[in-house]
């Protein structure tokens, strides 16, 4: 059974490997109460101003890119 990130969080409730193993082996796992309060979504988004190599998605405009660039190098500079 393949789970996306959102399904994994709902099924496992953030528990460790045991819940993940159960969720992956059970074709229809029981729903688990999910309370997002206090959780931090700790991933980052990076993007390039190189729109030829990395074109914008349908309906997205350059004007919405704020800031217009946030590359890995810019992220790491912020972290420092």
PDB file of N, CA and C in Angstrom:
ATOM      1  N   UNK A   1       0.846  -1.170   0.000  1.00  0.00           N
ATOM      2  CA  UNK A   1       0.000   0.000   0.000  1.00  0.00           C
ATOM      3  C   UNK A   1       0.890   1.231   0.000  1.00  0.00           C
ATOM      4  N   UNK A   2       0.667   2.141  -0.907  1.00  0.00           N
ATOM      5  CA  UNK A   2       1.464   3.354  -1.007  1.00  0.00           C
ATOM      6  C   UNK A   2       0.715   4.502  -0.327  1.00  0.00           C
ATOM      7  N   UNK A   3       1.384   5.182   0.608  1.00  0.00           N
ATOM      8  CA  UNK A   3       0.782   6.305   1.318  1.00  0.00           C
ATOM      9  C   UNK A   3       1.493   7.595   0.957  1.00  0.00           C
ATOM     10  N   UNK A   4       0.724   8.657   0.745  1.00  0.00           N
ATOM     11  CA  UNK A   4       1.360   9.957   0.605  1.00  0.00           C
ATOM     12  C   UNK A   4       1.569  10.536   2.003  1.00  0.00           C
ATOM     13  N   UNK A   5       2.243  11.660   2.096  1.00  0.00           N
ATOM     14  CA  UNK A   5       2.589  12.247   3.391  1.00  0.00           C
ATOM     15  C   UNK A   5       1.350  12.535   4.231  1.00  0.00           C
ATOM     16  N   UNK A   6       0.331  13.123   3.629  1.00  0.00           N
ATOM     17  CA  UNK A   6      -0.881  13.477   4.376  1.00  0.00           C
ATOM     18  C   UNK A   6      -1.574  12.220   4.905  1.00  0.00           C
ATOM     19  N   UNK A   7      -1.699  11.180   4.053  1.00  0.00           N
ATOM     20  CA  UNK A   7      -2.323   9.936   4.507  1.00  0.00           C
ATOM     21  C   UNK A   7      -1.509   9.301   5.625  1.00  0.00           C
ATOM     22  N   UNK A   8      -0.190   9.323   5.503  1.00  0.00           N
ATOM     23  CA  UNK A   8       0.657   8.751   6.541  1.00  0.00           C
ATOM     24  C   UNK A   8       0.412   9.439   7.875  1.00  0.00           C
ATOM     25  N   UNK A   9       0.361  10.775   7.868  1.00  0.00           N
ATOM     26  CA  UNK A   9       0.148  11.507   9.110  1.00  0.00           C
ATOM     27  C   UNK A   9      -1.218  11.205   9.712  1.00  0.00           C
ATOM     28  N   UNK A  10      -2.224  11.083   8.855  1.00  0.00           N
ATOM     29  CA  UNK A  10      -3.552  10.776   9.366  1.00  0.00           C
ATOM     30  C   UNK A  10      -3.608   9.364   9.938  1.00  0.00           C
ATOM     31  N   UNK A  11      -2.983   8.419   9.264  1.00  0.00           N
ATOM     32  CA  UNK A  11      -3.017   7.027   9.703  1.00  0.00           C
ATOM     33  C   UNK A  11      -2.159   6.819  10.935  1.00  0.00           C
ATOM     34  N   UNK A  12      -0.966   7.374  10.935  1.00  0.00           N
ATOM     35  CA  UNK A  12      -0.033   7.098  12.026  1.00  0.00           C
ATOM     36  C   UNK A  12      -0.218   8.036  13.197  1.00  0.00           C
ATOM     37  N   UNK A  13      -0.839   9.189  12.960  1.00  0.00           N
ATOM     38  CA  UNK A  13      -0.976  10.143  14.045  1.00  0.00           C
ATOM     39  C   UNK A  13       0.376  10.616  14.538  1.00  0.00           C
ATOM     40  N   UNK A  14       1.404  10.501  13.699  1.00  0.00           N
ATOM     41  CA  UNK A  14       2.746  10.926  14.079  1.00  0.00           C
ATOM     42  C   UNK A  14       3.489   9.876  14.892  1.00  0.00           C
ATOM     43  N   UNK A  15       2.914   8.702  15.083  1.00  0.00           N
ATOM     44  CA  UNK A  15       3.589   7.665  15.867  1.00  0.00           C
ATOM     45  C   UNK A  15       4.792   7.121  15.115  1.00  0.00           C
ATOM     46  N   UNK A  16       5.583   6.342  15.793  1.00  0.00           N
ATOM     47  CA  UNK A  16       6.832   5.837  15.211  1.00  0.00           C
ATOM     48  C   UNK A  16       6.588   4.673  14.266  1.00  0.00           C
ATOM     49  N   UNK A  17       7.606   3.915  14.019  1.00  0.00           N
ATOM     50  CA  UNK A  17       7.610   2.877  12.991  1.00  0.00           C
ATOM     51  C   UNK A  17       6.495   1.852  13.160  1.00  0.00           C
ATOM     52  N   UNK A  18       6.100   1.535  14.359  1.00  0.00           N
ATOM     53  CA  UNK A  18       5.046   0.547  14.576  1.00  0.00           C
ATOM     54  C   UNK A  18       3.760   0.917  13.873  1.00  0.00           C
ATOM     55  N   UNK A  19       3.339   2.169  14.003  1.00  0.00           N
ATOM     56  CA  UNK A  19       2.113   2.607  13.333  1.00  0.00           C
ATOM     57  C   UNK A  19       2.279   2.594  11.829  1.00  0.00           C
ATOM     58  N   UNK A  20       3.460   2.975  11.361  1.00  0.00           N
ATOM     59  CA  UNK A  20       3.699   2.982   9.928  1.00  0.00           C
ATOM     60  C   UNK A  20       3.646   1.560   9.389  1.00  0.00           C
ATOM     61  N   UNK A  21       4.230   0.623  10.108  1.00  0.00           N
ATOM     62  CA  UNK A  21       4.209  -0.771   9.669  1.00  0.00           C
ATOM     63  C   UNK A  21       2.784  -1.279   9.589  1.00  0.00           C
ATOM     64  N   UNK A  22       1.982  -0.959  10.594  1.00  0.00           N
ATOM     65  CA  UNK A  22       0.579  -1.374  10.585  1.00  0.00           C
ATOM     66  C   UNK A  22      -0.150  -0.743   9.419  1.00  0.00           C
ATOM     67  N   UNK A  23       0.055   0.555   9.207  1.00  0.00           N
ATOM     68  CA  UNK A  23      -0.628   1.259   8.124  1.00  0.00           C
ATOM     69  C   UNK A  23      -0.244   0.688   6.770  1.00  0.00           C
ATOM     70  N   UNK A  24       1.013   0.301   6.617  1.00  0.00           N
ATOM     71  CA  UNK A  24       1.479  -0.195   5.326  1.00  0.00           C
ATOM     72  C   UNK A  24       1.034  -1.622   5.061  1.00  0.00           C
ATOM     73  N   UNK A  25       0.773  -2.403   6.108  1.00  0.00           N
ATOM     74  CA  UNK A  25       0.401  -3.793   5.889  1.00  0.00           C
ATOM     75  C   UNK A  25      -1.112  -3.989   5.878  1.00  0.00           C
ATOM     76  N   UNK A  26      -1.879  -3.041   6.369  1.00  0.00           N
ATOM     77  CA  UNK A  26      -3.330  -3.140   6.430  1.00  0.00           C
ATOM     78  C   UNK A  26      -3.932  -2.447   5.211  1.00  0.00           C
ATOM     79  N   UNK A  27      -4.687  -3.163   4.369  1.00  0.00           N
ATOM     80  CA  UNK A  27      -5.231  -2.532   3.174  1.00  0.00           C
ATOM     81  C   UNK A  27      -6.197  -1.384   3.487  1.00  0.00           C
ATOM     82  N   UNK A  28      -6.909  -1.433   4.618  1.00  0.00           N
ATOM     83  CA  UNK A  28      -7.824  -0.357   5.015  1.00  0.00           C
ATOM     84  C   UNK A  28      -7.618  -0.077   6.498  1.00  0.00           C
ATOM     85  N   UNK A  29      -6.602   0.728   6.809  1.00  0.00           N
ATOM     86  CA  UNK A  29      -6.337   0.994   8.225  1.00  0.00           C
ATOM     87  C   UNK A  29      -7.469   1.791   8.867  1.00  0.00           C
ATOM     88  N   UNK A  30      -7.644   1.582  10.159  1.00  0.00           N
ATOM     89  CA  UNK A  30      -8.640   2.336  10.908  1.00  0.00           C
ATOM     90  C   UNK A  30      -8.226   3.802  10.963  1.00  0.00           C
ATOM     91  N   UNK A  31      -9.171   4.730  10.808  1.00  0.00           N
ATOM     92  CA  UNK A  31      -8.828   6.151  10.930  1.00  0.00           C
ATOM     93  C   UNK A  31      -8.331   6.456  12.342  1.00  0.00           C
ATOM     94  N   UNK A  32      -7.378   7.342  12.427  1.00  0.00           N
ATOM     95  CA  UNK A  32      -6.821   7.759  13.709  1.00  0.00           C
ATOM     96  C   UNK A  32      -7.129   9.234  13.875  1.00  0.00           C
ATOM     97  N   UNK A  33      -7.552   9.623  15.052  1.00  0.00           N
ATOM     98  CA  UNK A  33      -7.808  11.041  15.307  1.00  0.00           C
ATOM     99  C   UNK A  33      -6.521  11.822  15.075  1.00  0.00           C
ATOM    100  N   UNK A  34      -6.638  12.914  14.368  1.00  0.00           N
ATOM    101  CA  UNK A  34      -5.466  13.721  14.031  1.00  0.00           C
ATOM    102  C   UNK A  34      -5.698  15.139  14.513  1.00  0.00           C
ATOM    103  N   UNK A  35      -4.866  15.592  15.427  1.00  0.00           N
ATOM    104  CA  UNK A  35      -4.967  16.952  15.957  1.00  0.00           C
ATOM    105  C   UNK A  35      -3.704  17.706  15.577  1.00  0.00           C
ATOM    106  N   UNK A  36      -3.781  18.584  14.561  1.00  0.00           N
ATOM    107  CA  UNK A  36      -2.584  19.270  14.082  1.00  0.00           C
ATOM    108  C   UNK A  36      -2.088  20.377  15.020  1.00  0.00           C
ATOM    109  N   UNK A  37      -2.833  20.701  16.077  1.00  0.00           N
ATOM    110  CA  UNK A  37      -2.405  21.776  16.968  1.00  0.00           C
ATOM    111  C   UNK A  37      -1.052  21.439  17.581  1.00  0.00           C
ATOM    112  N   UNK A  38      -0.142  22.381  17.480  1.00  0.00           N
ATOM    113  CA  UNK A  38       1.184  22.182  18.043  1.00  0.00           C
ATOM    114  C   UNK A  38       2.172  21.540  17.085  1.00  0.00           C
ATOM    115  N   UNK A  39       1.710  21.105  15.910  1.00  0.00           N
ATOM    116  CA  UNK A  39       2.605  20.498  14.934  1.00  0.00           C
ATOM    117  C   UNK A  39       3.275  21.600  14.118  1.00  0.00           C
ATOM    118  N   UNK A  40       4.472  21.348  13.663  1.00  0.00           N
ATOM    119  CA  UNK A  40       5.187  22.279  12.798  1.00  0.00           C
ATOM    120  C   UNK A  40       5.453  21.579  11.479  1.00  0.00           C
ATOM    121  N   UNK A  41       5.043  22.186  10.391  1.00  0.00           N
ATOM    122  CA  UNK A  41       5.323  21.654   9.056  1.00  0.00           C
ATOM    123  C   UNK A  41       6.712  22.160   8.691  1.00  0.00           C
ATOM    124  N   UNK A  42       7.728  21.340   8.921  1.00  0.00           N
ATOM    125  CA  UNK A  42       9.115  21.796   8.907  1.00  0.00           C
ATOM    126  C   UNK A  42       9.835  21.586   7.580  1.00  0.00           C
ATOM    127  N   UNK A  43       9.130  21.628   6.484  1.00  0.00           N
ATOM    128  CA  UNK A  43       9.826  21.546   5.201  1.00  0.00           C
ATOM    129  C   UNK A  43       9.909  22.944   4.589  1.00  0.00           C
ATOM    130  N   UNK A  44      10.811  23.101   3.650  1.00  0.00           N
ATOM    131  CA  UNK A  44      10.971  24.395   2.989  1.00  0.00           C
ATOM    132  C   UNK A  44      10.670  24.254   1.500  1.00  0.00           C
ATOM    133  N   UNK A  45      10.363  25.365   0.903  1.00  0.00           N
ATOM    134  CA  UNK A  45      10.182  25.427  -0.547  1.00  0.00           C
ATOM    135  C   UNK A  45      11.312  26.274  -1.104  1.00  0.00           C
ATOM    136  N   UNK A  46      11.967  25.785  -2.133  1.00  0.00           N
ATOM    137  CA  UNK A  46      12.988  26.563  -2.826  1.00  0.00           C
ATOM    138  C   UNK A  46      12.560  26.687  -4.284  1.00  0.00           C
ATOM    139  N   UNK A  47      12.935  27.790  -4.898  1.00  0.00           N
ATOM    140  CA  UNK A  47      12.603  27.992  -6.311  1.00  0.00           C
ATOM    141  C   UNK A  47      13.655  28.852  -6.963  1.00  0.00           C
ATOM    142  N   UNK A  48      13.707  28.749  -8.251  1.00  0.00           N
ATOM    143  CA  UNK A  48      14.728  29.412  -9.046  1.00  0.00           C
ATOM    144  C   UNK A  48      14.097  30.486  -9.921  1.00  0.00           C
ATOM    145  N   UNK A  49      14.842  31.565 -10.173  1.00  0.00           N
ATOM    146  CA  UNK A  49      14.355  32.560 -11.122  1.00  0.00           C
ATOM    147  C   UNK A  49      14.552  32.110 -12.576  1.00  0.00           C
ATOM    148  N   UNK A  50      15.203  30.956 -12.779  1.00  0.00           N
ATOM    149  CA  UNK A  50      15.448  30.431 -14.125  1.00  0.00           C
ATOM    150  C   UNK A  50      14.171  29.783 -14.664  1.00  0.00           C
ATOM    151  N   UNK A  51      13.307  30.596 -15.256  1.00  0.00           N
ATOM    152  CA  UNK A  51      12.010  30.105 -15.710  1.00  0.00           C
ATOM    153  C   UNK A  51      12.075  29.322 -17.014  1.00  0.00           C
ATOM    154  N   UNK A  52      13.192  29.391 -17.708  1.00  0.00           N
ATOM    155  CA  UNK A  52      13.343  28.539 -18.896  1.00  0.00           C
ATOM    156  C   UNK A  52      13.575  27.097 -18.469  1.00  0.00           C
ATOM    157  N   UNK A  53      14.431  26.926 -17.473  1.00  0.00           N
ATOM    158  CA  UNK A  53      14.719  25.573 -16.990  1.00  0.00           C
ATOM    159  C   UNK A  53      13.594  25.046 -16.102  1.00  0.00           C
ATOM    160  N   UNK A  54      12.996  25.919 -15.300  1.00  0.00           N
ATOM    161  CA  UNK A  54      11.961  25.534 -14.348  1.00  0.00           C
ATOM    162  C   UNK A  54      10.716  26.395 -14.590  1.00  0.00           C
ATOM    163  N   UNK A  55       9.922  26.100 -15.598  1.00  0.00           N
ATOM    164  CA  UNK A  55       8.751  26.933 -15.912  1.00  0.00           C
ATOM    165  C   UNK A  55       7.729  26.913 -14.769  1.00  0.00           C
ATOM    166  N   UNK A  56       6.993  28.001 -14.667  1.00  0.00           N
ATOM    167  CA  UNK A  56       5.955  28.107 -13.643  1.00  0.00           C
ATOM    168  C   UNK A  56       4.789  27.189 -13.973  1.00  0.00           C
ATOM    169  N   UNK A  57       4.094  26.771 -12.941  1.00  0.00           N
ATOM    170  CA  UNK A  57       2.911  25.947 -13.126  1.00  0.00           C
ATOM    171  C   UNK A  57       1.778  26.735 -13.763  1.00  0.00           C
ATOM    172  N   UNK A  58       0.828  26.030 -14.317  1.00  0.00           N
ATOM    173  CA  UNK A  58      -0.314  26.646 -14.983  1.00  0.00           C
ATOM    174  C   UNK A  58      -1.032  27.593 -14.020  1.00  0.00           C
ATOM    175  N   UNK A  59      -1.256  28.816 -14.479  1.00  0.00           N
ATOM    176  CA  UNK A  59      -1.975  29.794 -13.686  1.00  0.00           C
ATOM    177  C   UNK A  59      -1.119  30.584 -12.710  1.00  0.00           C
ATOM    178  N   UNK A  60       0.154  30.233 -12.590  1.00  0.00           N
ATOM    179  CA  UNK A  60       1.036  30.952 -11.667  1.00  0.00           C
ATOM    180  C   UNK A  60       1.796  32.014 -12.445  1.00  0.00           C
ATOM    181  N   UNK A  61       1.965  33.195 -11.870  1.00  0.00           N
ATOM    182  CA  UNK A  61       2.629  34.290 -12.572  1.00  0.00           C
ATOM    183  C   UNK A  61       3.893  34.722 -11.836  1.00  0.00           C
ATOM    184  N   UNK A  62       4.793  35.365 -12.580  1.00  0.00           N
ATOM    185  CA  UNK A  62       6.043  35.880 -12.005  1.00  0.00           C
ATOM    186  C   UNK A  62       5.732  36.871 -10.887  1.00  0.00           C
ATOM    187  N   UNK A  63       4.666  37.647 -11.033  1.00  0.00           N
ATOM    188  CA  UNK A  63       4.301  38.635 -10.026  1.00  0.00           C
ATOM    189  C   UNK A  63       3.988  38.000  -8.670  1.00  0.00           C
ATOM    190  N   UNK A  64       3.574  36.756  -8.679  1.00  0.00           N
ATOM    191  CA  UNK A  64       3.265  36.054  -7.421  1.00  0.00           C
ATOM    192  C   UNK A  64       4.508  35.473  -6.753  1.00  0.00           C
ATOM    193  N   UNK A  65       5.629  35.507  -7.437  1.00  0.00           N
ATOM    194  CA  UNK A  65       6.877  34.960  -6.869  1.00  0.00           C
ATOM    195  C   UNK A  65       7.467  35.995  -5.909  1.00  0.00           C
ATOM    196  N   UNK A  66       7.184  35.831  -4.636  1.00  0.00           N
ATOM    197  CA  UNK A  66       7.668  36.767  -3.624  1.00  0.00           C
ATOM    198  C   UNK A  66       8.350  35.973  -2.532  1.00  0.00           C
ATOM    199  N   UNK A  67       9.632  36.051  -2.439  1.00  0.00           N
ATOM    200  CA  UNK A  67      10.570  36.791  -3.271  1.00  0.00           C
ATOM    201  C   UNK A  67      10.709  36.121  -4.644  1.00  0.00           C
ATOM    202  N   UNK A  68      11.285  36.846  -5.601  1.00  0.00           N
ATOM    203  CA  UNK A  68      11.388  36.294  -6.959  1.00  0.00           C
ATOM    204  C   UNK A  68      12.351  35.105  -7.062  1.00  0.00           C
ATOM    205  N   UNK A  69      13.151  34.914  -6.031  1.00  0.00           N
ATOM    206  CA  UNK A  69      14.091  33.795  -6.030  1.00  0.00           C
ATOM    207  C   UNK A  69      14.289  33.337  -4.592  1.00  0.00           C
ATOM    208  N   UNK A  70      14.347  32.029  -4.382  1.00  0.00           N
ATOM    209  CA  UNK A  70      14.703  31.476  -3.074  1.00  0.00           C
ATOM    210  C   UNK A  70      15.365  30.131  -3.325  1.00  0.00           C
ATOM    211  N   UNK A  71      16.630  30.208  -3.710  1.00  0.00           N
ATOM    212  CA  UNK A  71      17.401  29.021  -4.071  1.00  0.00           C
ATOM    213  C   UNK A  71      17.951  28.353  -2.814  1.00  0.00           C
ATOM    214  N   UNK A  72      18.540  27.186  -2.976  1.00  0.00           N
ATOM    215  CA  UNK A  72      19.161  26.486  -1.851  1.00  0.00           C
ATOM    216  C   UNK A  72      20.246  27.361  -1.229  1.00  0.00           C
ATOM    217  N   UNK A  73      21.045  28.026  -2.061  1.00  0.00           N
ATOM    218  CA  UNK A  73      22.092  28.903  -1.531  1.00  0.00           C
ATOM    219  C   UNK A  73      21.492  30.042  -0.699  1.00  0.00           C
ATOM    220  N   UNK A  74      20.381  30.610  -1.166  1.00  0.00           N
ATOM    221  CA  UNK A  74      19.724  31.681  -0.411  1.00  0.00           C
ATOM    222  C   UNK A  74      19.143  31.156   0.902  1.00  0.00           C
ATOM    223  N   UNK A  75      18.591  29.957   0.862  1.00  0.00           N
ATOM    224  CA  UNK A  75      18.075  29.330   2.086  1.00  0.00           C
ATOM    225  C   UNK A  75      19.193  29.136   3.102  1.00  0.00           C
ATOM    226  N   UNK A  76      20.321  28.572   2.650  1.00  0.00           N
ATOM    227  CA  UNK A  76      21.433  28.323   3.567  1.00  0.00           C
ATOM    228  C   UNK A  76      22.012  29.618   4.119  1.00  0.00           C
ATOM    229  N   UNK A  77      22.015  30.676   3.322  1.00  0.00           N
ATOM    230  CA  UNK A  77      22.468  31.982   3.819  1.00  0.00           C
ATOM    231  C   UNK A  77      21.536  32.466   4.928  1.00  0.00           C
ATOM    232  N   UNK A  78      20.233  32.265   4.762  1.00  0.00           N
ATOM    233  CA  UNK A  78      19.281  32.631   5.809  1.00  0.00           C
ATOM    234  C   UNK A  78      19.540  31.826   7.071  1.00  0.00           C
ATOM    235  N   UNK A  79      19.826  30.555   6.920  1.00  0.00           N
ATOM    236  CA  UNK A  79      20.068  29.678   8.074  1.00  0.00           C
ATOM    237  C   UNK A  79      21.302  30.113   8.859  1.00  0.00           C
ATOM    238  N   UNK A  80      22.306  30.584   8.122  1.00  0.00           N
ATOM    239  CA  UNK A  80      23.537  31.031   8.804  1.00  0.00           C
ATOM    240  C   UNK A  80      23.264  32.266   9.611  1.00  0.00           C
TER     241      UNK A  80
END
